[in-house]
Amino acid sequence: MDVAAAPVTDVGARRVARPRRYVMTAPTFFTVEYAINPWMDPSAPVDTHRAVSQWEALRQTYLDLGHTVELVEPVAGLPDMVYAANGGMVVNGKAVVARFAHAERAGESVAYAAWMSRNGFHLADTRHANEGQGDLLLLGATILAGHGFRTDRRAHHEIAAHLGMPVVGLELVDPRFYHLDTALAVLDDTTIAYFPPAFADHSRATLSELFPDAIEVASSDAYALGLNVVSDGLDVVLPAAATGFADQLREAGFRPVGVELSELLKGGGSVKCCTLEVHP
């Protein structure tokens, strides 16, 4: 498959929103009890009530846009379970269950695997660490797969075999962008946005070759986790603070929808982190 991006000029008329199916988990037990990424500071206060309110606004945004949202019950003792995207990768009736790199999050994979099983997906585990859609982003019929901090590059081969899809590996080098979904956004089946400094030189070359017309975001937006977005092909739900990226999206024919998730940013996550997409 040719995954090269289409030019973004004169494309607004062809942007089409498609109904999506999302899985989310409320931040009922959200707090920052440990530090496994540079965003986390256990000494900083966390307002769980505010986190729930912001999360609920995100859920309602999806519903208002016509999408389906299914819920996985939060589990006490798993404060990061709100970041549902990390629970696995679900495509075409198949699911890869997450194998977390850090012991603190290991229990989350059990909860998300149970949901996948109840919903009839054919499950597979990996021998090597993989953190679901945090590092596995579907673009058309190809998976863009991050590695370097959480997902083990060797897991890419296991995932490709189970899902029967090609995988393009991309190496992350900045710990602030510890998952691929913090440094790269899939906007539709051919279009991405990304922050080049988050990637190793060889991966930047790969992205430049495959997506010559990709949107490159500024550091101010990237450092607000502005690339941690969810797109239905037209509407792009993104952190409200990423105003420059929102302008770029409008120029490319997308409709940015800003949401405030400042409390959940304290755990190192935003819109996409909170959203596991079930891909048809």
Protein backbone atom coordinates (compact mmCIF):
# COMPACT_ATOMS: atom_id res chain seq x y z
CA MET A 1 0.00 0.00 0.00
CA ASP A 2 1.17 3.50 -0.82
CA VAL A 3 0.78 5.43 2.42
CA ALA A 4 2.15 8.73 1.12
CA ALA A 5 0.03 11.63 2.25
CA ALA A 6 -2.11 13.60 -0.18
CA PRO A 7 -1.45 17.32 -0.57
CA VAL A 8 -3.42 19.43 1.88
CA THR A 9 -4.22 22.24 -0.54
CA ASP A 10 -7.82 22.47 -1.82
CA VAL A 11 -8.88 19.43 0.19
CA GLY A 12 -11.46 20.94 2.51
CA ALA A 13 -14.32 19.85 0.29
CA ARG A 14 -13.33 16.19 0.53
CA ARG A 15 -13.03 15.98 4.30
CA VAL A 16 -15.70 13.59 5.54
CA ALA A 17 -16.59 12.71 9.12
CA ARG A 18 -17.27 9.03 9.73
CA PRO A 19 -19.09 7.70 12.83
CA ARG A 20 -16.59 6.15 15.22
CA ARG A 21 -16.74 3.70 18.11
CA TYR A 22 -14.75 4.71 21.18
CA VAL A 23 -14.02 3.09 24.53
CA MET A 24 -13.36 5.21 27.60
CA THR A 25 -12.83 4.79 31.35
CA ALA A 26 -13.82 7.47 33.83
CA PRO A 27 -11.01 8.90 36.00
CA THR A 28 -12.83 7.95 39.20
CA PHE A 29 -9.56 6.89 40.84
CA PHE A 30 -7.25 9.24 38.95
CA THR A 31 -4.30 10.63 40.85
CA VAL A 32 -0.56 10.91 40.36
CA GLU A 33 0.96 8.40 42.77
CA TYR A 34 4.19 7.67 40.90
CA ALA A 35 6.29 9.12 38.08
CA ILE A 36 6.77 7.04 34.94
CA ASN A 37 6.97 9.96 32.48
CA PRO A 38 8.27 13.54 32.72
CA TRP A 39 4.78 15.00 33.04
CA MET A 40 4.07 13.22 36.34
CA ASP A 41 4.85 14.85 39.68
CA PRO A 42 3.50 12.95 42.70
CA SER A 43 4.02 16.03 44.89
CA ALA A 44 1.67 18.17 42.79
CA PRO A 45 -1.99 18.32 43.87
CA VAL A 46 -4.56 16.55 41.70
CA ASP A 47 -8.24 17.48 41.66
CA THR A 48 -9.97 14.20 40.83
CA HIS A 49 -13.40 15.85 40.76
CA ARG A 50 -12.19 18.31 38.14
CA ALA A 51 -10.57 15.49 36.17
CA VAL A 52 -13.91 13.68 36.07
CA SER A 53 -15.68 16.84 34.94
CA GLN A 54 -13.17 17.45 32.13
CA TRP A 55 -13.34 13.80 31.06
CA GLU A 56 -17.14 13.94 30.99
CA ALA A 57 -16.96 16.99 28.72
CA LEU A 58 -14.74 15.02 26.35
CA ARG A 59 -17.17 12.10 26.34
CA GLN A 60 -20.07 14.44 25.64
CA THR A 61 -18.12 16.03 22.80
CA TYR A 62 -17.87 12.65 21.10
CA LEU A 63 -21.58 12.02 21.57
CA ASP A 64 -22.44 15.46 20.21
CA LEU A 65 -20.35 14.67 17.11
CA GLY A 66 -22.42 11.51 16.54
CA HIS A 67 -19.97 8.90 17.78
CA THR A 68 -20.55 5.89 20.02
CA VAL A 69 -18.86 5.77 23.41
CA GLU A 70 -18.68 2.56 25.44
CA LEU A 71 -17.39 2.48 28.98
CA VAL A 72 -15.04 0.21 30.87
CA GLU A 73 -15.49 0.26 34.63
CA PRO A 74 -12.56 1.91 36.45
CA VAL A 75 -10.63 -0.21 38.94
CA ALA A 76 -9.43 1.09 42.29
CA GLY A 77 -5.65 1.05 42.54
CA LEU A 78 -5.17 1.72 38.81
CA PRO A 79 -4.99 5.53 38.68
CA ASP A 80 -3.84 5.64 35.04
CA MET A 81 -6.69 3.48 33.73
CA VAL A 82 -8.37 6.64 32.41
CA TYR A 83 -5.81 6.51 29.59
CA ALA A 84 -7.86 3.91 27.74
CA ALA A 85 -5.89 4.14 24.50
CA ASN A 86 -3.08 2.18 26.11
CA GLY A 87 -5.33 -0.82 26.76
CA GLY A 88 -4.69 -2.42 23.38
CA MET A 89 -5.23 -2.26 19.64
CA VAL A 90 -8.57 -3.31 18.14
CA VAL A 91 -8.94 -3.72 14.37
CA ASN A 92 -11.34 -5.73 12.21
CA GLY A 93 -12.54 -8.05 14.95
CA LYS A 94 -9.05 -8.69 16.31
CA ALA A 95 -7.40 -7.25 19.39
CA VAL A 96 -3.85 -7.03 20.68
CA VAL A 97 -3.87 -6.82 24.47
CA ALA A 98 -1.46 -4.35 26.04
CA ARG A 99 1.64 -5.55 27.85
CA PHE A 100 2.71 -2.55 29.89
CA ALA A 101 6.35 -1.62 30.33
CA HIS A 102 5.80 -0.52 33.95
CA ALA A 103 4.44 -2.78 36.68
CA GLU A 104 2.26 0.04 38.03
CA ARG A 105 -0.02 -0.25 34.99
CA ALA A 106 0.00 -4.02 34.44
CA GLY A 107 -3.46 -4.53 35.92
CA GLU A 108 -5.05 -2.31 33.29
CA SER A 109 -4.46 -4.88 30.57
CA VAL A 110 -6.61 -7.40 32.47
CA ALA A 111 -9.56 -5.01 32.61
CA TYR A 112 -9.36 -4.05 28.94
CA ALA A 113 -8.82 -7.64 27.82
CA ALA A 114 -11.99 -8.60 29.68
CA TRP A 115 -13.93 -5.92 27.78
CA MET A 116 -12.48 -7.09 24.47
CA SER A 117 -13.37 -10.70 25.22
CA ARG A 118 -16.95 -9.83 26.23
CA ASN A 119 -17.36 -7.96 22.95
CA GLY A 120 -16.28 -10.92 20.84
CA PHE A 121 -12.84 -9.84 19.67
CA HIS A 122 -10.16 -12.42 18.90
CA LEU A 123 -7.44 -11.63 21.45
CA ALA A 124 -3.68 -12.01 21.23
CA ASP A 125 -0.94 -11.22 23.73
CA THR A 126 2.59 -10.16 22.86
CA ARG A 127 5.77 -11.49 24.43
CA HIS A 128 7.27 -8.03 24.34
CA ALA A 129 5.97 -4.77 25.76
CA ASN A 130 3.32 -2.96 23.77
CA GLU A 131 1.18 -0.11 25.03
CA GLY A 132 -1.73 -0.31 22.65
CA GLN A 133 -2.86 2.74 20.77
CA GLY A 134 -0.43 4.86 22.70
CA ASP A 135 2.16 3.53 20.25
CA LEU A 136 -0.02 1.93 17.56
CA LEU A 137 -1.88 4.32 15.27
CA LEU A 138 -3.95 3.07 12.34
CA LEU A 139 -3.58 4.97 9.09
CA GLY A 140 -5.61 3.43 6.28
CA ALA A 141 -4.49 -0.20 6.14
CA THR A 142 -1.14 0.46 7.82
CA ILE A 143 -0.11 0.72 11.46
CA LEU A 144 2.35 3.42 12.47
CA ALA A 145 4.15 1.98 15.48
CA GLY A 146 6.25 3.86 17.99
CA HIS A 147 9.13 2.47 20.03
CA GLY A 148 11.94 3.82 22.16
CA PHE A 149 10.35 4.33 25.58
CA ARG A 150 7.39 2.02 26.15
CA THR A 151 6.61 -0.36 23.29
CA ASP A 152 9.40 -2.81 22.47
CA ARG A 153 10.30 -2.75 18.79
CA ARG A 154 10.18 -6.56 18.75
CA ALA A 155 6.47 -6.40 19.52
CA HIS A 156 5.86 -4.77 16.15
CA HIS A 157 6.44 -8.09 14.40
CA GLU A 158 4.03 -9.88 16.72
CA ILE A 159 1.37 -7.23 16.15
CA ALA A 160 1.77 -7.30 12.37
CA ALA A 161 1.40 -11.08 12.36
CA HIS A 162 -1.73 -11.13 14.53
CA LEU A 163 -3.52 -8.28 12.77
CA GLY A 164 -2.28 -9.19 9.27
CA MET A 165 -1.27 -5.60 8.59
CA PRO A 166 1.99 -3.87 7.67
CA VAL A 167 3.70 -1.93 10.43
CA VAL A 168 5.93 1.13 10.00
CA GLY A 169 8.25 1.51 12.99
CA LEU A 170 9.07 5.00 14.27
CA GLU A 171 11.66 5.66 16.98
CA LEU A 172 10.93 8.26 19.65
CA VAL A 173 13.87 10.05 21.30
CA ASP A 174 12.42 12.74 23.59
CA PRO A 175 11.05 11.37 26.89
CA ARG A 176 8.38 14.07 26.97
CA PHE A 177 6.92 12.29 23.96
CA TYR A 178 7.07 8.81 25.39
CA HIS A 179 4.22 7.42 23.26
CA LEU A 180 3.69 7.89 19.54
CA ASP A 181 0.28 9.46 20.13
CA THR A 182 1.93 12.36 21.95
CA ALA A 183 4.13 13.21 18.94
CA LEU A 184 2.04 12.24 15.91
CA ALA A 185 -1.65 12.52 15.01
CA VAL A 186 -3.49 10.57 12.33
CA LEU A 187 -6.06 12.96 10.86
CA ASP A 188 -7.54 10.78 8.11
CA ASP A 189 -6.51 7.79 6.03
CA THR A 190 -3.70 9.68 4.31
CA THR A 191 -2.92 12.71 6.46
CA ILE A 192 -0.80 13.10 9.59
CA ALA A 193 0.56 15.87 11.76
CA TYR A 194 3.70 15.46 13.85
CA PHE A 195 6.47 17.12 15.84
CA PRO A 196 9.77 16.30 14.08
CA PRO A 197 12.15 16.78 17.07
CA ALA A 198 10.41 13.94 18.92
CA PHE A 199 11.76 11.40 16.42
CA ALA A 200 15.12 9.86 15.65
CA ASP A 201 16.72 11.11 12.44
CA HIS A 202 15.98 7.93 10.51
CA SER A 203 12.32 8.04 11.53
CA ARG A 204 12.05 11.70 10.57
CA ALA A 205 13.39 10.71 7.16
CA THR A 206 10.76 7.97 6.93
CA LEU A 207 7.96 10.36 7.82
CA SER A 208 9.24 12.97 5.38
CA GLU A 209 9.32 10.39 2.59
CA LEU A 210 5.91 8.88 3.30
CA PHE A 211 4.12 12.13 4.18
CA PRO A 212 5.73 15.03 2.29
CA ASP A 213 2.67 17.21 2.95
CA ALA A 214 2.27 16.38 6.63
CA ILE A 215 1.45 19.16 9.07
CA GLU A 216 4.46 19.95 11.24
CA VAL A 217 3.46 21.52 14.55
CA ALA A 218 5.39 24.07 16.58
CA SER A 219 6.97 23.26 19.92
CA SER A 220 4.44 25.39 21.81
CA ASP A 221 1.61 23.15 20.61
CA ALA A 222 3.59 19.94 20.97
CA TYR A 223 4.50 20.75 24.59
CA ALA A 224 0.79 21.18 25.35
CA LEU A 225 0.30 17.61 24.05
CA GLY A 226 -1.51 19.24 21.16
CA LEU A 227 -0.90 16.24 18.93
CA ASN A 228 -2.75 13.93 21.30
CA VAL A 229 -5.93 14.19 19.25
CA VAL A 230 -8.86 12.14 18.01
CA SER A 231 -10.06 12.71 14.46
CA ASP A 232 -13.10 11.36 12.62
CA GLY A 233 -11.74 12.53 9.28
CA LEU A 234 -13.18 16.02 9.58
CA ASP A 235 -13.63 16.97 13.22
CA VAL A 236 -10.39 16.91 15.20
CA VAL A 237 -10.83 16.92 18.98
CA LEU A 238 -7.66 18.37 20.50
CA PRO A 239 -6.37 20.10 23.63
CA ALA A 240 -7.73 23.64 23.77
CA ALA A 241 -4.27 25.06 24.44
CA ALA A 242 -2.97 23.99 21.01
CA THR A 243 -4.26 27.09 19.27
CA GLY A 244 -1.56 27.23 16.60
CA PHE A 245 -2.24 23.65 15.58
CA ALA A 246 -5.96 24.41 15.49
CA ASP A 247 -5.25 27.15 12.94
CA GLN A 248 -3.18 24.72 10.86
CA LEU A 249 -6.04 22.23 10.93
CA ARG A 250 -8.52 24.82 9.68
CA GLU A 251 -6.20 25.74 6.83
CA ALA A 252 -6.04 22.06 5.87
CA GLY A 253 -9.82 21.73 5.78
CA PHE A 254 -10.39 20.09 9.17
CA ARG A 255 -12.66 21.34 11.94
CA PRO A 256 -10.77 21.65 15.24
CA VAL A 257 -12.77 21.06 18.41
CA GLY A 258 -10.87 22.22 21.49
CA VAL A 259 -11.41 20.60 24.89
CA GLU A 260 -9.86 21.33 28.27
CA LEU A 261 -8.10 18.36 29.89
CA SER A 262 -5.55 20.22 32.02
CA GLU A 263 -6.06 17.99 35.06
CA LEU A 264 -5.42 14.79 33.11
CA LEU A 265 -2.33 16.37 31.57
CA LYS A 266 -0.75 15.99 35.01
CA GLY A 267 -0.56 12.27 34.32
CA GLY A 268 0.93 12.80 30.88
CA GLY A 269 -2.20 12.31 28.80
CA SER A 270 -4.85 14.19 26.89
CA VAL A 271 -7.57 13.53 24.31
CA LYS A 272 -6.22 10.50 22.49
CA CYS A 273 -4.79 8.95 25.65
CA CYS A 274 -8.33 8.86 27.06
CA THR A 275 -9.79 7.25 23.94
CA LEU A 276 -9.45 3.70 22.66
CA GLU A 277 -10.85 3.51 19.15
CA VAL A 278 -12.44 0.30 17.89
CA HIS A 279 -11.47 0.22 14.24
CA PRO A 280 -13.74 -1.61 11.78
